[in-house]
Amino acid sequence: MALGFTIPTLRAGPFSLRPFEDGDVDLVREASAAPDISATRAVPSEVDDEDAIAFIQRQASRARAGEGYPFAIAEDGTAIGHAGLWPVHGDAERAVVDYWVAPSHRGQHAALHAVKAIAAWAFDELGMVRLELTTEPDNEYGIRIAQQAGFHPEGTLRSWTPVGAGRHDMRMFSMLATDERF
């Protein structure tokens, strides 16, 4: 059994990254109503308060189980999005970065600040060697965040991830600990 992970609080520009809290129900509800989040992420669509609390508790249990580091992106204490670092099973030096921001809080560069903060923490504190980030090939915003955060494009992964009843291609980006920092 894994020892589990402790979710620290990190500075991410004007935002902070912190563990999810029971009071983050409004964020989860908004994210569940956003098709671009619920279709490809772990947030179920159209949740009620009970479902939202279950999602929040699931984030804490994922950290306790040693599966990864799910952070709430917060602005002045209020959760506005999610960013995560997910170590790849069997490879202690490689991890996947993911993120989403609630529609009502987009346009503030919260995701970019979160990705940069997680990358710096993963390399400097956790000793990661390689980070990976994927986004849909037509997601210009996601591609821009990956590139502005210092991730390098590697190509398109065909039929990489399940979405609804089908599978979608994804663009792969990576950052190495030896790359020039943002």
Protein backbone atom coordinates (compact mmCIF):
# COMPACT_ATOMS: atom_id res chain seq x y z
CA MET A 1 0.00 0.00 0.00
CA ALA A 2 1.28 3.47 -0.89
CA LEU A 3 2.22 5.80 1.92
CA GLY A 4 0.11 8.55 0.41
CA PHE A 5 0.82 12.11 -0.53
CA THR A 6 0.35 15.32 1.38
CA ILE A 7 -1.04 18.17 -0.70
CA PRO A 8 0.95 21.33 0.06
CA THR A 9 -0.20 24.87 -0.56
CA LEU A 10 1.77 26.47 -3.38
CA ARG A 11 1.94 30.04 -4.72
CA ALA A 12 0.98 30.28 -8.37
CA GLY A 13 1.42 33.93 -9.32
CA PRO A 14 -1.59 35.78 -7.89
CA PHE A 15 -3.31 32.44 -7.20
CA SER A 16 -2.67 29.60 -4.78
CA LEU A 17 -2.82 25.85 -5.18
CA ARG A 18 -4.30 24.07 -2.18
CA PRO A 19 -6.13 20.89 -1.23
CA PHE A 20 -9.81 20.75 -2.12
CA GLU A 21 -12.18 21.68 0.72
CA ASP A 22 -15.84 20.84 1.36
CA GLY A 23 -16.66 24.50 0.63
CA ASP A 24 -15.58 24.06 -3.01
CA VAL A 25 -18.99 22.67 -3.99
CA ASP A 26 -19.86 25.67 -6.19
CA LEU A 27 -16.71 25.15 -8.27
CA VAL A 28 -17.46 21.46 -8.84
CA ARG A 29 -21.07 22.24 -9.79
CA GLU A 30 -19.98 24.89 -12.30
CA ALA A 31 -17.33 22.59 -13.78
CA SER A 32 -19.84 19.76 -14.11
CA ALA A 33 -22.09 21.99 -16.24
CA ALA A 34 -19.23 22.91 -18.61
CA PRO A 35 -19.18 20.41 -21.49
CA ASP A 36 -15.48 20.99 -22.20
CA ILE A 37 -14.63 19.94 -18.62
CA SER A 38 -17.12 17.17 -17.94
CA ALA A 39 -16.61 15.45 -21.32
CA THR A 40 -12.89 14.80 -20.85
CA ARG A 41 -12.18 15.14 -17.14
CA ALA A 42 -13.05 13.32 -13.94
CA VAL A 43 -15.88 15.74 -13.09
CA PRO A 44 -19.22 14.09 -13.76
CA SER A 45 -21.77 16.16 -15.66
CA GLU A 46 -24.56 18.00 -13.86
CA VAL A 47 -23.81 17.12 -10.23
CA ASP A 48 -25.85 18.04 -7.16
CA ASP A 49 -24.28 19.08 -3.84
CA GLU A 50 -23.95 15.47 -2.67
CA ASP A 51 -22.14 14.50 -5.88
CA ALA A 52 -19.89 17.57 -5.60
CA ILE A 53 -18.88 16.66 -2.03
CA ALA A 54 -18.18 13.09 -3.20
CA PHE A 55 -15.89 14.52 -5.93
CA ILE A 56 -14.07 16.65 -3.34
CA GLN A 57 -13.64 13.72 -0.97
CA ARG A 58 -12.41 11.57 -3.86
CA GLN A 59 -9.59 14.09 -4.46
CA ALA A 60 -8.40 13.71 -0.85
CA SER A 61 -8.61 9.92 -1.07
CA ARG A 62 -6.56 9.92 -4.29
CA ALA A 63 -3.77 11.78 -2.48
CA ARG A 64 -4.00 9.48 0.57
CA ALA A 65 -3.75 6.47 -1.76
CA GLY A 66 -0.58 7.89 -3.36
CA GLU A 67 -2.22 8.29 -6.77
CA GLY A 68 -1.41 11.96 -7.25
CA TYR A 69 -1.64 15.55 -6.13
CA PRO A 70 -5.04 17.12 -6.91
CA PHE A 71 -4.98 20.85 -6.21
CA ALA A 72 -7.74 23.43 -6.18
CA ILE A 73 -6.65 26.62 -7.93
CA ALA A 74 -7.80 29.38 -5.58
CA GLU A 75 -8.16 33.13 -5.88
CA ASP A 76 -8.41 34.88 -2.52
CA GLY A 77 -9.29 31.52 -0.96
CA THR A 78 -12.13 30.72 -3.40
CA ALA A 79 -11.61 27.69 -5.63
CA ILE A 80 -11.77 28.59 -9.34
CA GLY A 81 -10.26 25.50 -10.94
CA HIS A 82 -8.24 22.32 -10.63
CA ALA A 83 -4.62 21.44 -11.37
CA GLY A 84 -3.07 18.06 -10.76
CA LEU A 85 0.20 16.20 -10.83
CA TRP A 86 -0.15 12.47 -11.41
CA PRO A 87 2.98 10.30 -11.12
CA VAL A 88 3.10 7.58 -13.75
CA HIS A 89 2.80 4.13 -12.18
CA GLY A 90 6.11 2.34 -12.33
CA ASP A 91 8.15 5.48 -13.14
CA ALA A 92 8.91 7.61 -10.07
CA GLU A 93 10.52 10.35 -12.17
CA ARG A 94 7.68 10.97 -14.65
CA ALA A 95 4.28 12.58 -14.08
CA VAL A 96 1.29 13.96 -15.95
CA VAL A 97 0.02 17.52 -15.39
CA ASP A 98 -3.63 18.37 -15.93
CA TYR A 99 -5.85 21.36 -15.23
CA TRP A 100 -9.19 23.03 -15.81
CA VAL A 101 -10.66 26.39 -14.85
CA ALA A 102 -14.36 27.10 -14.30
CA PRO A 103 -15.86 29.10 -17.18
CA SER A 104 -16.67 32.11 -14.98
CA HIS A 105 -12.98 32.49 -14.05
CA ARG A 106 -11.29 32.05 -17.41
CA GLY A 107 -9.15 34.76 -18.96
CA GLN A 108 -7.09 35.46 -15.81
CA HIS A 109 -4.19 33.12 -16.71
CA ALA A 110 -4.95 30.95 -13.66
CA ALA A 111 -4.19 27.72 -15.53
CA LEU A 112 -0.88 29.06 -16.83
CA HIS A 113 0.21 30.14 -13.34
CA ALA A 114 -0.90 26.77 -11.92
CA VAL A 115 0.97 24.71 -14.53
CA LYS A 116 4.16 26.73 -14.02
CA ALA A 117 3.94 26.37 -10.22
CA ILE A 118 3.32 22.63 -10.39
CA ALA A 119 6.19 22.12 -12.85
CA ALA A 120 8.66 24.04 -10.66
CA TRP A 121 7.52 22.14 -7.55
CA ALA A 122 7.63 18.76 -9.33
CA PHE A 123 11.19 19.30 -10.54
CA ASP A 124 12.63 21.14 -7.53
CA GLU A 125 10.90 19.37 -4.64
CA LEU A 126 9.82 15.97 -5.95
CA GLY A 127 12.79 15.23 -8.20
CA MET A 128 10.72 14.61 -11.33
CA VAL A 129 12.68 14.28 -14.58
CA ARG A 130 9.85 14.45 -17.14
CA LEU A 131 6.40 16.04 -17.08
CA GLU A 132 3.72 15.39 -19.68
CA LEU A 133 0.65 17.41 -20.60
CA THR A 134 -1.98 16.51 -23.21
CA THR A 135 -4.67 18.62 -24.81
CA GLU A 136 -7.19 18.21 -27.61
CA PRO A 137 -5.65 19.04 -31.03
CA ASP A 138 -8.15 21.86 -31.63
CA ASN A 139 -7.88 23.35 -28.11
CA GLU A 140 -5.91 26.49 -28.98
CA TYR A 141 -6.10 27.72 -25.37
CA GLY A 142 -4.68 24.46 -24.00
CA ILE A 143 -1.91 24.43 -26.59
CA ARG A 144 -1.02 28.04 -25.76
CA ILE A 145 -0.87 27.26 -22.01
CA ALA A 146 1.40 24.26 -22.60
CA GLN A 147 3.77 26.27 -24.78
CA GLN A 148 3.79 29.40 -22.58
CA ALA A 149 4.52 27.22 -19.54
CA GLY A 150 7.59 25.83 -21.31
CA PHE A 151 6.28 22.46 -22.50
CA HIS A 152 7.52 21.23 -25.89
CA PRO A 153 5.22 19.65 -28.50
CA GLU A 154 5.90 16.00 -29.21
CA GLY A 155 3.10 15.08 -31.58
CA THR A 156 -0.43 13.76 -31.78
CA LEU A 157 -1.44 10.62 -29.91
CA ARG A 158 -4.11 9.00 -32.05
CA SER A 159 -7.27 7.74 -30.32
CA TRP A 160 -5.52 8.40 -26.98
CA THR A 161 -8.35 9.05 -24.56
CA PRO A 162 -11.97 7.94 -24.17
CA VAL A 163 -14.55 10.73 -24.46
CA GLY A 164 -18.20 9.79 -24.25
CA ALA A 165 -18.82 6.77 -26.47
CA GLY A 166 -15.70 7.32 -28.58
CA ARG A 167 -12.00 8.12 -28.36
CA HIS A 168 -10.16 11.37 -29.10
CA ASP A 169 -6.74 12.23 -30.40
CA MET A 170 -4.58 14.29 -28.04
CA ARG A 171 -1.56 16.54 -28.55
CA MET A 172 1.36 15.54 -26.29
CA PHE A 173 3.67 18.12 -24.73
CA SER A 174 6.57 17.47 -22.39
CA MET A 175 8.98 19.34 -20.17
CA LEU A 176 12.24 17.95 -18.83
CA ALA A 177 14.00 18.96 -15.64
CA THR A 178 16.97 19.95 -17.83
CA ASP A 179 14.91 22.28 -20.06
CA GLU A 180 15.29 26.01 -19.74
CA ARG A 181 12.80 27.23 -17.15
CA PHE A 182 10.00 29.63 -17.86
